[in-house]
Amino acid sequence: MLKLAVIFLIAGLVLGALGFGGIGGAFVGIAKILFFIALALFLIFLVLGVVAGKKVKDSV
């Protein structure tokens, strides 16, 4: 998902540099949304991994 965010960011910057500000801004907005979704998923899975790790450690 971060790969898609980077692709959209680069495409948005290129489009903005070429004068397509509206479309470029939309691409940058999509990149921001994808980045924050990826960040939220990372944090959720980090917490789940820590909780699962504690359960396995306690049961051994």
N, C-alpha and C. Protein backbone atom coordinates (compact mmCIF):
# COMPACT_ATOMS: atom_id res chain seq x y z
N MET A 1 0.82 -1.18 0.00
CA MET A 1 0.00 0.00 0.00
C MET A 1 0.87 1.26 0.00
N LEU A 2 2.00 1.18 0.68
CA LEU A 2 2.91 2.34 0.65
C LEU A 2 3.46 2.55 -0.75
N LYS A 3 3.65 1.46 -1.48
CA LYS A 3 4.14 1.58 -2.86
C LYS A 3 3.14 2.38 -3.70
N LEU A 4 1.86 2.09 -3.54
CA LEU A 4 0.84 2.84 -4.26
C LEU A 4 0.83 4.31 -3.85
N ALA A 5 1.02 4.56 -2.55
CA ALA A 5 1.05 5.94 -2.08
C ALA A 5 2.20 6.71 -2.72
N VAL A 6 3.36 6.07 -2.82
CA VAL A 6 4.51 6.72 -3.44
C VAL A 6 4.26 6.95 -4.93
N ILE A 7 3.67 5.98 -5.59
CA ILE A 7 3.37 6.13 -7.02
C ILE A 7 2.41 7.29 -7.25
N PHE A 8 1.35 7.38 -6.44
CA PHE A 8 0.40 8.48 -6.59
C PHE A 8 1.05 9.82 -6.26
N LEU A 9 1.94 9.84 -5.26
CA LEU A 9 2.62 11.07 -4.91
C LEU A 9 3.51 11.56 -6.05
N ILE A 10 4.29 10.65 -6.62
CA ILE A 10 5.17 11.03 -7.73
C ILE A 10 4.35 11.49 -8.94
N ALA A 11 3.29 10.75 -9.24
CA ALA A 11 2.44 11.13 -10.37
C ALA A 11 1.80 12.50 -10.14
N GLY A 12 1.37 12.76 -8.91
CA GLY A 12 0.78 14.05 -8.59
C GLY A 12 1.77 15.19 -8.72
N LEU A 13 3.00 14.95 -8.27
CA LEU A 13 4.03 15.99 -8.39
C LEU A 13 4.39 16.26 -9.84
N VAL A 14 4.48 15.20 -10.64
CA VAL A 14 4.78 15.38 -12.07
C VAL A 14 3.65 16.12 -12.77
N LEU A 15 2.42 15.72 -12.48
CA LEU A 15 1.28 16.40 -13.10
C LEU A 15 1.21 17.86 -12.67
N GLY A 16 1.51 18.12 -11.41
CA GLY A 16 1.51 19.51 -10.95
C GLY A 16 2.59 20.33 -11.63
N ALA A 17 3.76 19.72 -11.84
CA ALA A 17 4.85 20.44 -12.51
C ALA A 17 4.53 20.70 -13.97
N LEU A 18 3.73 19.84 -14.58
CA LEU A 18 3.37 20.01 -15.98
C LEU A 18 2.17 20.94 -16.18
N GLY A 19 1.60 21.42 -15.09
CA GLY A 19 0.51 22.38 -15.21
C GLY A 19 -0.87 21.80 -15.01
N PHE A 20 -0.97 20.54 -14.68
CA PHE A 20 -2.26 19.91 -14.42
C PHE A 20 -2.50 19.90 -12.91
N GLY A 21 -2.73 21.08 -12.36
CA GLY A 21 -2.82 21.24 -10.91
C GLY A 21 -3.99 20.51 -10.28
N GLY A 22 -5.12 20.52 -10.94
CA GLY A 22 -6.30 19.87 -10.36
C GLY A 22 -6.13 18.37 -10.23
N ILE A 23 -5.69 17.76 -11.30
CA ILE A 23 -5.48 16.31 -11.28
C ILE A 23 -4.31 15.96 -10.37
N GLY A 24 -3.26 16.77 -10.43
CA GLY A 24 -2.10 16.54 -9.57
C GLY A 24 -2.46 16.63 -8.10
N GLY A 25 -3.27 17.60 -7.75
CA GLY A 25 -3.73 17.73 -6.36
C GLY A 25 -4.56 16.55 -5.91
N ALA A 26 -5.38 16.04 -6.82
CA ALA A 26 -6.18 14.87 -6.50
C ALA A 26 -5.29 13.66 -6.24
N PHE A 27 -4.25 13.50 -7.06
CA PHE A 27 -3.33 12.39 -6.88
C PHE A 27 -2.58 12.49 -5.55
N VAL A 28 -2.17 13.70 -5.20
CA VAL A 28 -1.48 13.90 -3.92
C VAL A 28 -2.44 13.61 -2.76
N GLY A 29 -3.70 13.99 -2.90
CA GLY A 29 -4.70 13.69 -1.87
C GLY A 29 -4.90 12.20 -1.70
N ILE A 30 -4.95 11.47 -2.80
CA ILE A 30 -5.08 10.01 -2.74
C ILE A 30 -3.85 9.42 -2.06
N ALA A 31 -2.68 9.95 -2.37
CA ALA A 31 -1.44 9.46 -1.75
C ALA A 31 -1.48 9.66 -0.24
N LYS A 32 -1.99 10.81 0.21
CA LYS A 32 -2.10 11.06 1.65
C LYS A 32 -3.03 10.06 2.31
N ILE A 33 -4.17 9.81 1.67
CA ILE A 33 -5.14 8.87 2.23
C ILE A 33 -4.54 7.48 2.33
N LEU A 34 -3.88 7.03 1.26
CA LEU A 34 -3.26 5.70 1.27
C LEU A 34 -2.17 5.61 2.33
N PHE A 35 -1.40 6.68 2.51
CA PHE A 35 -0.35 6.66 3.52
C PHE A 35 -0.94 6.50 4.91
N PHE A 36 -1.99 7.25 5.22
CA PHE A 36 -2.56 7.17 6.56
C PHE A 36 -3.28 5.83 6.79
N ILE A 37 -3.86 5.25 5.76
CA ILE A 37 -4.44 3.92 5.89
C ILE A 37 -3.35 2.90 6.18
N ALA A 38 -2.23 2.99 5.46
CA ALA A 38 -1.11 2.07 5.68
C ALA A 38 -0.55 2.25 7.09
N LEU A 39 -0.45 3.49 7.55
CA LEU A 39 0.04 3.76 8.90
C LEU A 39 -0.90 3.18 9.96
N ALA A 40 -2.19 3.35 9.76
CA ALA A 40 -3.17 2.81 10.71
C ALA A 40 -3.11 1.28 10.74
N LEU A 41 -3.01 0.66 9.57
CA LEU A 41 -2.90 -0.81 9.53
C LEU A 41 -1.62 -1.29 10.21
N PHE A 42 -0.53 -0.57 10.00
CA PHE A 42 0.73 -0.93 10.65
C PHE A 42 0.57 -0.91 12.17
N LEU A 43 -0.03 0.15 12.69
CA LEU A 43 -0.19 0.28 14.14
C LEU A 43 -1.12 -0.79 14.69
N ILE A 44 -2.19 -1.11 13.97
CA ILE A 44 -3.12 -2.16 14.42
C ILE A 44 -2.41 -3.50 14.47
N PHE A 45 -1.67 -3.84 13.42
CA PHE A 45 -0.97 -5.12 13.40
C PHE A 45 0.17 -5.16 14.41
N LEU A 46 0.79 -4.02 14.68
CA LEU A 46 1.83 -3.97 15.70
C LEU A 46 1.25 -4.29 17.07
N VAL A 47 0.12 -3.68 17.40
CA VAL A 47 -0.52 -3.93 18.68
C VAL A 47 -0.98 -5.39 18.77
N LEU A 48 -1.57 -5.91 17.69
CA LEU A 48 -2.02 -7.30 17.71
C LEU A 48 -0.84 -8.26 17.86
N GLY A 49 0.29 -7.95 17.24
CA GLY A 49 1.47 -8.80 17.36
C GLY A 49 2.02 -8.80 18.77
N VAL A 50 2.04 -7.64 19.41
CA VAL A 50 2.53 -7.56 20.78
C VAL A 50 1.61 -8.32 21.72
N VAL A 51 0.30 -8.18 21.54
CA VAL A 51 -0.66 -8.88 22.39
C VAL A 51 -0.55 -10.39 22.18
N ALA A 52 -0.45 -10.84 20.94
CA ALA A 52 -0.33 -12.26 20.65
C ALA A 52 0.99 -12.80 21.17
N GLY A 53 2.04 -12.01 21.08
CA GLY A 53 3.34 -12.44 21.59
C GLY A 53 3.33 -12.63 23.09
N LYS A 54 2.62 -11.75 23.80
CA LYS A 54 2.52 -11.89 25.25
C LYS A 54 1.73 -13.14 25.62
N LYS A 55 0.68 -13.47 24.85
CA LYS A 55 -0.11 -14.66 25.15
C LYS A 55 0.71 -15.92 24.95
N VAL A 56 1.51 -15.96 23.88
CA VAL A 56 2.34 -17.13 23.61
C VAL A 56 3.42 -17.25 24.69
N LYS A 57 4.02 -16.13 25.07
CA LYS A 57 5.07 -16.16 26.08
C LYS A 57 4.53 -16.61 27.43
N ASP A 58 3.32 -16.16 27.79
CA ASP A 58 2.72 -16.53 29.07
C ASP A 58 2.32 -17.99 29.11
N SER A 59 1.93 -18.57 27.98
CA SER A 59 1.46 -19.94 27.98
C SER A 59 2.60 -20.96 27.98
N VAL A 60 3.82 -20.52 27.66
CA VAL A 60 4.94 -21.46 27.61
C VAL A 60 5.56 -21.66 28.94
